[in-house]
Amino acid sequence: MTGTTARMSTRVMSRSMRSVLQGRCGGALLVLGAVCLLPLACGEHTTTVPLPGESPEEILQEALGSLGTLVPVKLDTAALASAVQAGQSIRLPFAEEGGQLVQRDVHLILRNLRAPDLVEFVLKDGVQQQGHTQPLPPPATYQGIVAAQGGGQPGAAVLTITAQVVAGNLLVAPDGWSIIEPLEPMLRLRGVEPARRQRVLGKYNHVVYNSRDTRLPQPSSSGAALAASPADSHATAVGQPPTPLVLSIVGDGDAELFQAYPLDSVMPFWLMQETLFNAIDWLYNCVEPDANPDNAYTVCDNHFDGGAGAFQARLRIDRLETWTAGGPTANSAGELMVESARFTHQSTPVCCGEPHTAGQSSLVHFFTGKAFPGSAGNASVGGLNVYGDGCEQPLASFCCHHGVSQIVPGNGTPGTLFQVQLLMAHEIGHNTGGEEDRFGYAQDWLFGEKSGPTLMYSGFDGFPAEEVFVYASDVAANKIGPLLAQRLGEAPDVTTSCDSAPVM
């Protein structure tokens, strides 16, 4: 490869799966540039020798058709990873609303979220009462800019890129979020047997979709109406700190998570955790370049953090771990969160002081591979590092800096990468002071181009399809910002009482 762009061959299906399976052969897409897209034509024009039995498209329709308009693609991930590691720009498919793919130039910079001493992941066996570590491969989380084109605004990119995986988001106004995620775990988690998986993976390895095309659970009529966002409760915004705060975090998980994202997957559990944390880091660290010239690796002029000065906190991963056996086994999100706290901390009462195994991390986020009956599988408590006398209050069992997110499909939760990002950011929003939005207040986003309900709205039946990846500006400026400024970088608080039960 030469020059500033990588030149590679990628096969892409340039229309929605629905169109393909209905037998329509739309215009083939051929784009020359950093990635050359070779069209998959229909009928007699195909160069793929058909195999007996189901076609890859039929398997995909059965497994993923209920999720909305997802476009399967074949990405040359090894070439993309090599180019990004060499500091070259790449071209990636972007799904416009409706499923049409266009190509966007992306400039990425490595965003190493790991603490300096985080060089291994941890596997814990609660049955054998032992654990062991394995070395972590080099970090592969990137953030950057989607190049402007046609006189438009530049966009943002938040991606994990390895020799096997491209996973994450591209944000472009006015088209919204386009998500790329690998097919292998999506098929495996939905019960597609190995032989059928291999038939699909021989032709495609990723799907690309616009967040507005995903079918998420709809709220009931009592919660469906959107209202204008209320005015800020006070006019004075939190001042921008001179240096970024650090939101340190431990990623943990149950034995079901280990089974859902095993080590031989293209997306093992620790890589999935790191991919999700990358999105949270972008959300919490995203300030306008004029407010922080050092933050020039991305573009954030879109009120994702409530506007300039609302808050800035860089995420640091302290540990990536999971149970392989034993450990927390509760069958509800709230109970699982309490179990996670009890397994993590050895103080009595729980979370009321040292000793505890989470160190001085700001948060512990527990990922579960279970699908909880009647629940989207998400829970958290407000506050960071609440220890000491405050934990002697009646709700002391919940007095922890913990959250839980269901990471697999089931019980109305589609389990797409975008949906899990919504869940996780919602729960961490509770951890950092955000309250549940019961009315679906609309927030402008995408440079004022679009509006939608914010991260703290989960309706009555889960996140609605029009959900946007943004906190309301008043919540960011008046809730999350002050709590982060108060708690981060300080010793664990020993006076603040814990006055909130788990929030679902």
Protein backbone atom coordinates (compact mmCIF):
# COMPACT_ATOMS: atom_id res chain seq x y z
CA MET A 1 0.00 0.00 0.00
CA THR A 2 1.24 3.46 -0.84
CA GLY A 3 0.15 7.04 -0.37
CA THR A 4 -2.18 8.31 2.33
CA THR A 5 -4.97 5.87 1.63
CA ALA A 6 -5.12 2.11 1.65
CA ARG A 7 -6.30 0.50 -1.55
CA MET A 8 -8.07 -2.76 -1.02
CA SER A 9 -10.88 -4.87 -2.42
CA THR A 10 -14.15 -5.28 -0.57
CA ARG A 11 -17.36 -6.92 -1.65
CA VAL A 12 -20.47 -5.11 -0.52
CA MET A 13 -24.15 -5.63 -1.03
CA SER A 14 -25.33 -2.13 -1.93
CA ARG A 15 -29.02 -2.45 -1.09
CA SER A 16 -31.03 -3.56 1.89
CA MET A 17 -31.43 -7.24 2.61
CA ARG A 18 -35.13 -6.86 2.13
CA SER A 19 -34.66 -5.74 -1.49
CA VAL A 20 -32.29 -8.61 -2.23
CA LEU A 21 -34.60 -11.22 -0.76
CA GLN A 22 -37.52 -9.87 -2.74
CA GLY A 23 -35.51 -10.57 -5.89
CA ARG A 24 -35.02 -6.97 -6.96
CA CYS A 25 -31.71 -6.17 -8.61
CA GLY A 26 -31.05 -2.48 -8.05
CA GLY A 27 -28.22 -0.50 -9.55
CA ALA A 28 -24.82 -1.89 -8.64
CA LEU A 29 -22.57 0.37 -6.59
CA LEU A 30 -19.01 0.80 -7.76
CA VAL A 31 -16.96 3.37 -5.89
CA LEU A 32 -13.25 3.83 -6.45
CA GLY A 33 -11.03 5.10 -3.68
CA ALA A 34 -9.60 3.87 -0.43
CA VAL A 35 -11.94 0.90 -0.58
CA CYS A 36 -13.08 -0.39 -3.96
CA LEU A 37 -16.59 -1.80 -3.70
CA LEU A 38 -17.24 -4.63 -6.10
CA PRO A 39 -20.98 -5.07 -6.65
CA LEU A 40 -22.80 -8.30 -5.93
CA ALA A 41 -25.06 -8.46 -8.96
CA CYS A 42 -28.24 -10.47 -9.31
CA GLY A 43 -29.27 -13.47 -11.39
CA GLU A 44 -27.04 -14.57 -14.23
CA HIS A 45 -24.52 -11.79 -13.54
CA THR A 46 -23.30 -13.28 -10.27
CA THR A 47 -19.80 -14.73 -10.15
CA THR A 48 -20.49 -16.67 -6.92
CA VAL A 49 -21.09 -20.39 -7.43
CA PRO A 50 -24.36 -21.16 -5.58
CA LEU A 51 -24.22 -23.82 -2.90
CA PRO A 52 -27.03 -26.33 -2.39
CA GLY A 53 -29.52 -25.40 0.29
CA GLU A 54 -30.17 -22.00 1.79
CA SER A 55 -28.48 -18.94 0.44
CA PRO A 56 -26.52 -16.64 2.80
CA GLU A 57 -29.22 -14.00 2.27
CA GLU A 58 -31.96 -16.41 3.35
CA ILE A 59 -30.05 -17.32 6.51
CA LEU A 60 -29.48 -13.68 7.28
CA GLN A 61 -33.14 -12.84 6.76
CA GLU A 62 -34.20 -15.57 9.16
CA ALA A 63 -31.63 -14.62 11.80
CA LEU A 64 -31.57 -10.82 11.57
CA GLY A 65 -34.56 -9.76 9.49
CA SER A 66 -36.58 -8.68 12.51
CA LEU A 67 -33.92 -6.12 13.46
CA GLY A 68 -34.70 -3.76 10.59
CA THR A 69 -32.70 -2.78 7.51
CA LEU A 70 -29.21 -4.23 7.91
CA VAL A 71 -26.87 -4.35 4.93
CA PRO A 72 -24.38 -7.26 4.88
CA VAL A 73 -20.89 -6.45 3.61
CA LYS A 74 -17.52 -8.11 3.13
CA LEU A 75 -14.76 -5.93 4.58
CA ASP A 76 -11.05 -6.54 4.13
CA THR A 77 -10.45 -6.06 7.83
CA ALA A 78 -6.76 -7.00 7.74
CA ALA A 79 -6.03 -4.32 5.15
CA LEU A 80 -8.12 -1.75 7.03
CA ALA A 81 -6.33 -2.51 10.30
CA SER A 82 -2.93 -2.30 8.63
CA ALA A 83 -3.80 1.06 7.08
CA VAL A 84 -5.10 2.55 10.31
CA GLN A 85 -2.06 1.34 12.24
CA ALA A 86 0.13 3.04 9.64
CA GLY A 87 -1.68 6.32 10.16
CA GLN A 88 -3.43 6.25 6.78
CA SER A 89 -7.00 7.34 6.12
CA ILE A 90 -9.47 4.65 5.11
CA ARG A 91 -12.84 4.53 3.40
CA LEU A 92 -15.77 2.80 5.09
CA PRO A 93 -19.37 2.14 4.07
CA PHE A 94 -21.92 4.46 5.66
CA ALA A 95 -25.58 3.42 5.80
CA GLU A 96 -28.00 6.23 5.08
CA GLU A 97 -31.47 5.96 6.50
CA GLY A 98 -33.27 3.41 4.33
CA GLY A 99 -30.25 1.16 3.79
CA GLN A 100 -28.41 2.80 0.88
CA LEU A 101 -24.63 2.59 1.31
CA VAL A 102 -22.29 5.45 0.50
CA GLN A 103 -18.56 5.60 1.10
CA ARG A 104 -16.97 8.02 3.55
CA ASP A 105 -13.30 8.85 4.13
CA VAL A 106 -12.33 8.37 7.76
CA HIS A 107 -9.24 9.68 9.56
CA LEU A 108 -8.55 7.87 12.83
CA ILE A 109 -6.16 8.19 15.76
CA LEU A 110 -5.54 5.46 18.34
CA ARG A 111 -7.47 6.19 21.55
CA ASN A 112 -5.82 3.98 24.15
CA LEU A 113 -8.30 3.82 27.03
CA ARG A 114 -6.28 1.42 29.17
CA ALA A 115 -4.62 2.32 32.44
CA PRO A 116 -0.81 2.10 32.17
CA ASP A 117 -0.74 -1.17 34.11
CA LEU A 118 -3.63 -2.79 32.22
CA VAL A 119 -1.81 -5.38 30.12
CA GLU A 120 -3.89 -8.51 30.92
CA PHE A 121 -7.53 -9.53 31.16
CA VAL A 122 -8.76 -11.61 34.08
CA LEU A 123 -10.74 -14.87 34.04
CA LYS A 124 -12.34 -15.75 37.39
CA ASP A 125 -13.57 -19.22 38.37
CA GLY A 126 -15.84 -19.06 41.39
CA VAL A 127 -16.30 -22.84 41.50
CA GLN A 128 -12.60 -23.66 41.69
CA GLN A 129 -11.95 -20.47 43.69
CA GLN A 130 -9.16 -19.44 41.40
CA GLY A 131 -8.43 -17.12 38.55
CA HIS A 132 -5.82 -16.44 35.95
CA THR A 133 -4.81 -13.75 33.52
CA GLN A 134 -4.00 -13.67 29.84
CA PRO A 135 -2.12 -10.96 27.95
CA LEU A 136 -4.16 -8.32 26.17
CA PRO A 137 -3.34 -7.71 22.50
CA PRO A 138 -2.40 -4.11 21.70
CA PRO A 139 -5.25 -1.58 21.97
CA ALA A 140 -7.38 -1.21 18.84
CA THR A 141 -9.85 1.53 19.81
CA TYR A 142 -9.84 4.60 17.60
CA GLN A 143 -11.59 7.94 17.42
CA GLY A 144 -11.47 10.41 14.60
CA ILE A 145 -13.14 12.41 11.90
CA VAL A 146 -15.38 11.49 8.99
CA ALA A 147 -14.19 13.83 6.25
CA ALA A 148 -16.60 16.49 5.04
CA GLN A 149 -17.84 16.13 1.51
CA GLY A 150 -20.00 18.21 -0.78
CA GLY A 151 -19.68 21.29 1.37
CA GLY A 152 -21.11 19.52 4.42
CA GLN A 153 -19.87 19.27 7.99
CA PRO A 154 -17.20 16.77 9.05
CA GLY A 155 -18.48 13.90 11.16
CA ALA A 156 -17.16 11.79 14.00
CA ALA A 157 -15.90 8.20 14.06
CA VAL A 158 -15.67 5.93 17.11
CA LEU A 159 -14.39 2.48 16.11
CA THR A 160 -12.60 -0.68 17.12
CA ILE A 161 -10.52 -2.02 14.22
CA THR A 162 -8.58 -5.29 14.34
CA ALA A 163 -7.45 -7.75 11.69
CA GLN A 164 -10.88 -9.42 12.02
CA VAL A 165 -13.27 -6.73 13.23
CA VAL A 166 -14.56 -3.28 12.43
CA ALA A 167 -17.06 -2.27 15.12
CA GLY A 168 -18.46 1.10 16.03
CA ASN A 169 -20.11 4.25 14.80
CA LEU A 170 -19.83 6.93 12.16
CA LEU A 171 -21.77 10.16 12.77
CA VAL A 172 -22.51 12.39 9.80
CA ALA A 173 -25.00 15.26 9.65
CA PRO A 174 -27.75 15.14 8.63
CA ASP A 175 -27.75 11.36 8.11
CA GLY A 176 -27.21 10.28 11.71
CA TRP A 177 -25.41 7.28 13.15
CA SER A 178 -24.22 4.49 10.89
CA ILE A 179 -23.11 1.41 12.79
CA ILE A 180 -20.77 -1.35 11.66
CA GLU A 181 -20.55 -4.60 13.58
CA PRO A 182 -19.22 -8.10 12.90
CA LEU A 183 -21.64 -10.84 11.83
CA GLU A 184 -20.04 -13.79 13.61
CA PRO A 185 -21.27 -12.96 17.13
CA MET A 186 -24.64 -11.73 15.84
CA LEU A 187 -25.32 -15.08 14.19
CA ARG A 188 -23.97 -17.18 17.03
CA LEU A 189 -25.99 -15.34 19.69
CA ARG A 190 -29.15 -15.89 17.67
CA GLY A 191 -28.68 -19.66 17.50
CA VAL A 192 -27.48 -20.03 13.92
CA GLU A 193 -25.64 -23.35 13.84
CA PRO A 194 -21.97 -23.47 12.76
CA ALA A 195 -22.48 -24.82 9.24
CA ARG A 196 -25.03 -22.13 8.39
CA ARG A 197 -22.86 -19.46 10.01
CA GLN A 198 -19.96 -20.48 7.84
CA ARG A 199 -22.13 -20.28 4.74
CA VAL A 200 -22.91 -16.65 5.56
CA LEU A 201 -19.39 -15.77 6.69
CA GLY A 202 -17.95 -17.12 3.46
CA LYS A 203 -19.70 -14.26 1.68
CA TYR A 204 -20.16 -11.51 4.30
CA ASN A 205 -18.43 -10.68 7.58
CA HIS A 206 -20.12 -7.48 8.81
CA VAL A 207 -23.41 -5.61 8.69
CA VAL A 208 -23.88 -1.86 8.30
CA TYR A 209 -27.06 -0.06 9.36
CA ASN A 210 -28.38 3.35 10.25
CA SER A 211 -29.59 3.69 13.82
CA ARG A 212 -32.91 5.03 12.57
CA ASP A 213 -33.50 1.80 10.64
CA THR A 214 -33.21 -0.50 13.64
CA ARG A 215 -36.39 -1.92 15.10
CA LEU A 216 -36.26 -1.29 18.81
CA PRO A 217 -39.09 -1.94 21.26
CA GLN A 218 -41.65 0.85 20.98
CA PRO A 219 -42.95 2.67 24.06
CA SER A 220 -46.58 2.28 24.97
CA SER A 221 -48.95 5.05 23.96
CA SER A 222 -48.78 6.64 27.41
CA GLY A 223 -45.12 7.39 26.92
CA ALA A 224 -44.79 7.80 23.17
CA ALA A 225 -45.34 11.53 22.81
CA LEU A 226 -42.29 13.75 22.60
CA ALA A 227 -42.21 17.07 24.41
CA ALA A 228 -39.90 20.01 24.01
CA SER A 229 -36.89 19.83 26.30
CA PRO A 230 -37.39 21.95 29.44
CA ALA A 231 -35.24 24.99 29.98
CA ASP A 232 -32.12 24.64 32.09
CA SER A 233 -32.91 24.81 35.79
CA HIS A 234 -30.35 27.56 36.21
CA ALA A 235 -28.41 29.70 33.79
CA THR A 236 -24.92 29.13 35.14
CA ALA A 237 -23.24 26.19 33.45
CA VAL A 238 -20.44 24.23 35.04
CA GLY A 239 -17.09 25.75 34.12
CA GLN A 240 -14.78 23.75 31.90
CA PRO A 241 -12.07 22.24 34.10
CA PRO A 242 -8.51 23.19 33.11
CA THR A 243 -7.57 19.55 32.63
CA PRO A 244 -9.92 16.65 31.88
CA LEU A 245 -11.33 14.66 34.76
CA VAL A 246 -10.74 10.89 34.66
CA LEU A 247 -13.70 8.54 34.86
CA SER A 248 -11.98 5.25 35.71
CA ILE A 249 -13.92 2.05 35.19
CA VAL A 250 -13.78 -1.72 35.72
CA GLY A 251 -15.48 -3.96 33.16
CA ASP A 252 -16.83 -7.18 34.70
CA GLY A 253 -19.18 -9.89 33.51
CA ASP A 254 -20.87 -13.17 34.36
CA ALA A 255 -20.21 -16.68 33.09
CA GLU A 256 -22.95 -16.18 30.51
CA LEU A 257 -21.03 -13.22 29.09
CA PHE A 258 -17.97 -15.45 28.70
CA GLN A 259 -20.11 -18.00 26.85
CA ALA A 260 -21.66 -15.31 24.63
CA TYR A 261 -18.31 -13.75 23.71
CA PRO A 262 -15.76 -16.58 24.09
CA LEU A 263 -12.06 -16.17 23.56
CA ASP A 264 -12.18 -17.84 20.13
CA SER A 265 -14.75 -15.36 18.83
CA VAL A 266 -13.66 -12.53 16.55
CA MET A 267 -15.16 -10.39 19.34
CA PRO A 268 -14.09 -11.89 22.71
CA PHE A 269 -15.68 -10.46 25.84
CA TRP A 270 -12.85 -8.03 26.63
CA LEU A 271 -12.89 -6.57 23.10
CA MET A 272 -16.65 -6.04 23.29
CA GLN A 273 -16.24 -4.33 26.65
CA GLU A 274 -13.48 -2.12 25.28
CA THR A 275 -15.54 -1.27 22.18
CA LEU A 276 -18.44 -0.10 24.32
CA PHE A 277 -16.17 1.87 26.64
CA ASN A 278 -14.77 3.67 23.60
CA ALA A 279 -18.23 5.05 22.82
CA ILE A 280 -18.67 6.16 26.44
CA ASP A 281 -15.27 7.87 26.39
CA TRP A 282 -16.25 9.79 23.26
CA LEU A 283 -19.56 10.78 24.84
CA TYR A 284 -18.00 11.96 28.12
CA ASN A 285 -14.87 13.51 26.64
CA CYS A 286 -16.49 15.16 23.64
CA VAL A 287 -16.02 18.93 23.77
CA GLU A 288 -15.80 21.43 20.98
CA PRO A 289 -12.29 21.84 19.54
CA ASP A 290 -12.24 25.54 20.45
CA ALA A 291 -12.77 24.55 24.09
CA ASN A 292 -9.97 22.00 24.02
CA PRO A 293 -7.45 22.16 21.14
CA ASP A 294 -5.92 18.88 22.32
CA ASN A 295 -9.21 17.13 21.54
CA ALA A 296 -8.74 17.63 17.80
CA TYR A 297 -8.92 13.90 17.07
CA THR A 298 -12.69 14.13 16.81
CA VAL A 299 -15.52 16.55 16.09
CA CYS A 300 -18.06 17.26 18.80
CA ASP A 301 -19.99 20.37 17.79
CA ASN A 302 -23.33 18.69 18.30
CA HIS A 303 -24.37 19.02 21.97
CA PHE A 304 -23.58 15.41 22.76
CA ASP A 305 -22.23 16.59 26.12
CA GLY A 306 -24.85 19.28 26.56
CA GLY A 307 -22.67 21.90 24.90
CA ALA A 308 -19.25 23.36 25.59
CA GLY A 309 -18.46 23.53 29.29
CA ALA A 310 -21.09 21.03 30.43
CA PHE A 311 -18.47 18.48 31.42
CA GLN A 312 -15.41 16.65 30.19
CA ALA A 313 -14.21 13.37 31.66
CA ARG A 314 -11.85 10.98 29.94
CA LEU A 315 -12.56 7.34 30.49
CA ARG A 316 -9.78 5.07 31.76
CA ILE A 317 -10.19 1.29 31.85
CA ASP A 318 -8.67 -0.18 35.00
CA ARG A 319 -9.64 -3.83 34.50
CA LEU A 320 -11.31 -6.08 31.92
CA GLU A 321 -12.55 -9.30 33.45
CA THR A 322 -15.32 -11.86 33.64
CA TRP A 323 -16.40 -14.92 35.56
CA THR A 324 -16.03 -18.19 33.69
CA ALA A 325 -17.95 -20.17 36.34
CA GLY A 326 -19.61 -19.31 39.61
CA GLY A 327 -19.81 -15.65 40.46
CA PRO A 328 -23.06 -13.65 40.35
CA THR A 329 -26.02 -15.79 39.25
CA ALA A 330 -29.10 -13.63 39.89
CA ASN A 331 -31.91 -13.72 37.36
CA SER A 332 -32.89 -10.05 37.51
CA ALA A 333 -30.83 -7.00 36.66
CA GLY A 334 -31.30 -5.33 40.04
CA GLU A 335 -30.33 -8.44 42.00
CA LEU A 336 -27.40 -9.07 39.69
CA MET A 337 -26.10 -5.56 40.35
CA VAL A 338 -26.26 -6.11 44.11
CA GLU A 339 -24.52 -9.49 43.72
CA SER A 340 -21.83 -7.86 41.61
CA ALA A 341 -21.23 -5.34 44.36
CA ARG A 342 -21.00 -8.04 47.00
CA PHE A 343 -18.55 -10.06 44.94
CA THR A 344 -16.49 -6.97 44.18
CA HIS A 345 -16.27 -5.52 47.69
CA GLN A 346 -15.39 -7.26 50.93
CA SER A 347 -16.31 -4.42 53.29
CA THR A 348 -19.15 -4.75 55.80
CA PRO A 349 -21.70 -3.38 55.05
CA VAL A 350 -21.02 -3.84 51.38
CA CYS A 351 -19.44 -0.81 49.68
CA CYS A 352 -18.99 1.07 52.93
CA GLY A 353 -15.22 1.12 52.84
CA GLU A 354 -12.11 -0.93 52.27
CA PRO A 355 -11.18 -3.65 51.64
CA HIS A 356 -12.62 -3.79 48.17
CA THR A 357 -11.24 -5.26 44.98
CA ALA A 358 -12.30 -2.46 42.64
CA GLY A 359 -9.52 -0.24 43.91
CA GLN A 360 -10.36 3.43 43.57
CA SER A 361 -12.10 3.08 40.23
CA SER A 362 -14.98 5.49 39.69
CA LEU A 363 -17.37 2.86 38.34
CA VAL A 364 -17.80 -0.89 38.00
CA HIS A 365 -19.92 -1.87 35.00
CA PHE A 366 -21.16 -5.45 34.90
CA PHE A 367 -22.05 -6.95 31.51
CA THR A 368 -24.41 -9.90 31.57
CA GLY A 369 -24.92 -12.55 28.92
CA LYS A 370 -28.40 -13.29 30.29
CA ALA A 371 -31.71 -12.16 28.88
CA PHE A 372 -33.94 -11.33 31.82
CA PRO A 373 -37.66 -12.16 31.64
CA GLY A 374 -39.74 -9.01 31.56
CA SER A 375 -36.75 -6.68 31.68
CA ALA A 376 -34.35 -5.02 29.30
CA GLY A 377 -31.60 -6.04 31.69
CA ASN A 378 -30.29 -2.70 32.85
CA ALA A 379 -29.89 -1.24 36.33
CA SER A 380 -27.70 1.22 38.18
CA VAL A 381 -27.49 3.54 41.15
CA GLY A 382 -26.67 7.22 41.28
CA GLY A 383 -23.40 8.51 42.62
CA LEU A 384 -19.72 7.74 42.36
CA ASN A 385 -17.46 6.27 45.04
CA VAL A 386 -19.98 6.40 47.85
CA TYR A 387 -18.41 4.78 50.93
CA GLY A 388 -18.24 5.30 54.65
CA ASP A 389 -20.98 6.62 56.92
CA GLY A 390 -23.31 7.31 54.04
CA CYS A 391 -23.63 3.58 53.47
CA GLU A 392 -25.21 3.10 56.90
CA GLN A 393 -28.45 4.48 55.47
CA PRO A 394 -31.47 2.14 55.00
CA LEU A 395 -30.63 1.56 51.34
CA ALA A 396 -27.01 0.71 52.07
CA SER A 397 -27.11 -2.50 50.00
CA PHE A 398 -27.42 -0.31 46.90
CA CYS A 399 -24.76 2.18 47.94
CA CYS A 400 -22.23 1.27 45.26
CA HIS A 401 -20.78 2.73 42.11
CA HIS A 402 -22.13 -0.13 39.98
CA GLY A 403 -24.22 -0.60 36.85
CA VAL A 404 -25.46 -3.58 34.82
CA SER A 405 -26.18 -3.89 31.09
CA GLN A 406 -27.63 -6.85 29.21
CA ILE A 407 -25.35 -7.46 26.25
CA VAL A 408 -27.25 -10.21 24.40
CA PRO A 409 -30.54 -10.32 22.47
CA GLY A 410 -33.69 -11.53 24.14
CA ASN A 411 -36.95 -10.48 25.80
CA GLY A 412 -37.52 -7.52 23.53
CA THR A 413 -33.89 -6.33 23.53
CA PRO A 414 -32.39 -6.71 20.03
CA GLY A 415 -28.81 -6.90 21.29
CA THR A 416 -27.32 -4.86 18.46
CA LEU A 417 -24.18 -2.86 19.12
CA PHE A 418 -26.16 0.38 18.98
CA GLN A 419 -28.78 -0.89 21.45
CA VAL A 420 -26.14 -2.02 23.94
CA GLN A 421 -24.47 1.39 23.66
CA LEU A 422 -27.80 3.02 24.53
CA LEU A 423 -28.26 0.73 27.53
CA MET A 424 -24.77 1.29 28.85
CA ALA A 425 -24.75 5.05 28.37
CA HIS A 426 -28.19 5.24 30.01
CA GLU A 427 -27.03 3.34 33.09
CA ILE A 428 -23.77 5.25 33.40
CA GLY A 429 -25.90 8.37 33.07
CA HIS A 430 -27.67 7.27 36.26
CA ASN A 431 -24.30 6.62 37.91
CA THR A 432 -23.26 10.17 37.10
CA GLY A 433 -26.41 11.91 38.26
CA GLY A 434 -28.83 11.74 35.31
CA GLU A 435 -32.43 11.05 36.22
CA GLU A 436 -34.89 8.95 34.25
CA ASP A 437 -36.72 10.98 31.62
CA ARG A 438 -40.33 9.83 31.99
CA PHE A 439 -41.74 12.00 29.20
CA GLY A 440 -39.40 11.57 26.22
CA TYR A 441 -38.18 15.15 26.01
CA ALA A 442 -36.71 15.88 22.60
CA GLN A 443 -33.14 17.16 22.30
CA ASP A 444 -31.60 18.71 19.22
CA TRP A 445 -28.57 16.87 17.91
CA LEU A 446 -26.50 16.49 14.79
CA PHE A 447 -25.61 20.19 14.52
CA GLY A 448 -29.25 21.11 15.02
CA GLU A 449 -30.36 18.98 12.07
CA LYS A 450 -32.45 16.45 14.00
CA SER A 451 -34.13 15.89 17.35
CA GLY A 452 -35.09 12.85 19.35
CA PRO A 453 -35.54 11.49 22.89
CA THR A 454 -32.32 11.48 24.87
CA LEU A 455 -30.32 8.72 26.51
CA MET A 456 -32.17 9.02 29.81
CA TYR A 457 -35.51 8.14 28.19
CA SER A 458 -36.25 4.43 28.02
CA GLY A 459 -40.02 4.67 27.74
CA PHE A 460 -42.21 2.00 29.25
CA ASP A 461 -41.22 -0.86 26.96
CA GLY A 462 -37.56 -0.07 26.30
CA PHE A 463 -35.71 2.36 24.10
CA PRO A 464 -37.80 3.66 21.19
CA ALA A 465 -36.55 3.47 17.63
CA GLU A 466 -35.96 7.22 17.40
CA GLU A 467 -33.63 7.28 20.42
CA VAL A 468 -30.53 9.44 20.00
CA PHE A 469 -27.10 9.06 21.59
CA VAL A 470 -27.16 12.28 23.60
CA TYR A 471 -27.86 13.57 27.11
CA ALA A 472 -30.21 16.52 27.45
CA SER A 473 -28.18 19.72 27.80
CA ASP A 474 -29.72 20.63 31.16
CA VAL A 475 -28.94 17.15 32.55
CA ALA A 476 -25.37 17.37 31.30
CA ALA A 477 -24.78 20.89 32.63
CA ASN A 478 -26.73 20.72 35.89
CA LYS A 479 -26.56 17.06 36.96
CA ILE A 480 -23.73 15.10 35.38
CA GLY A 481 -21.21 17.93 35.24
CA PRO A 482 -21.45 18.96 38.91
CA LEU A 483 -21.28 15.36 40.16
CA LEU A 484 -18.23 14.59 38.02
CA ALA A 485 -16.52 17.79 39.16
CA GLN A 486 -17.32 16.98 42.79
CA ARG A 487 -16.39 13.32 42.89
CA LEU A 488 -13.71 12.57 40.32
CA GLY A 489 -10.12 12.81 41.38
CA GLU A 490 -11.08 12.95 45.04
CA ALA A 491 -10.91 10.36 47.79
CA PRO A 492 -14.03 8.16 48.17
CA ASP A 493 -16.81 10.21 49.71
CA VAL A 494 -17.54 9.24 53.33
CA THR A 495 -20.29 11.73 54.12
CA THR A 496 -22.72 11.71 51.23
CA SER A 497 -25.72 9.53 51.99
CA CYS A 498 -26.98 7.00 49.50
CA ASP A 499 -30.60 7.88 48.90
CA SER A 500 -31.51 6.04 45.72
CA ALA A 501 -32.53 2.48 45.00
CA PRO A 502 -31.52 0.73 41.76
CA VAL A 503 -32.82 2.54 38.70
CA MET A 504 -33.89 0.35 35.80
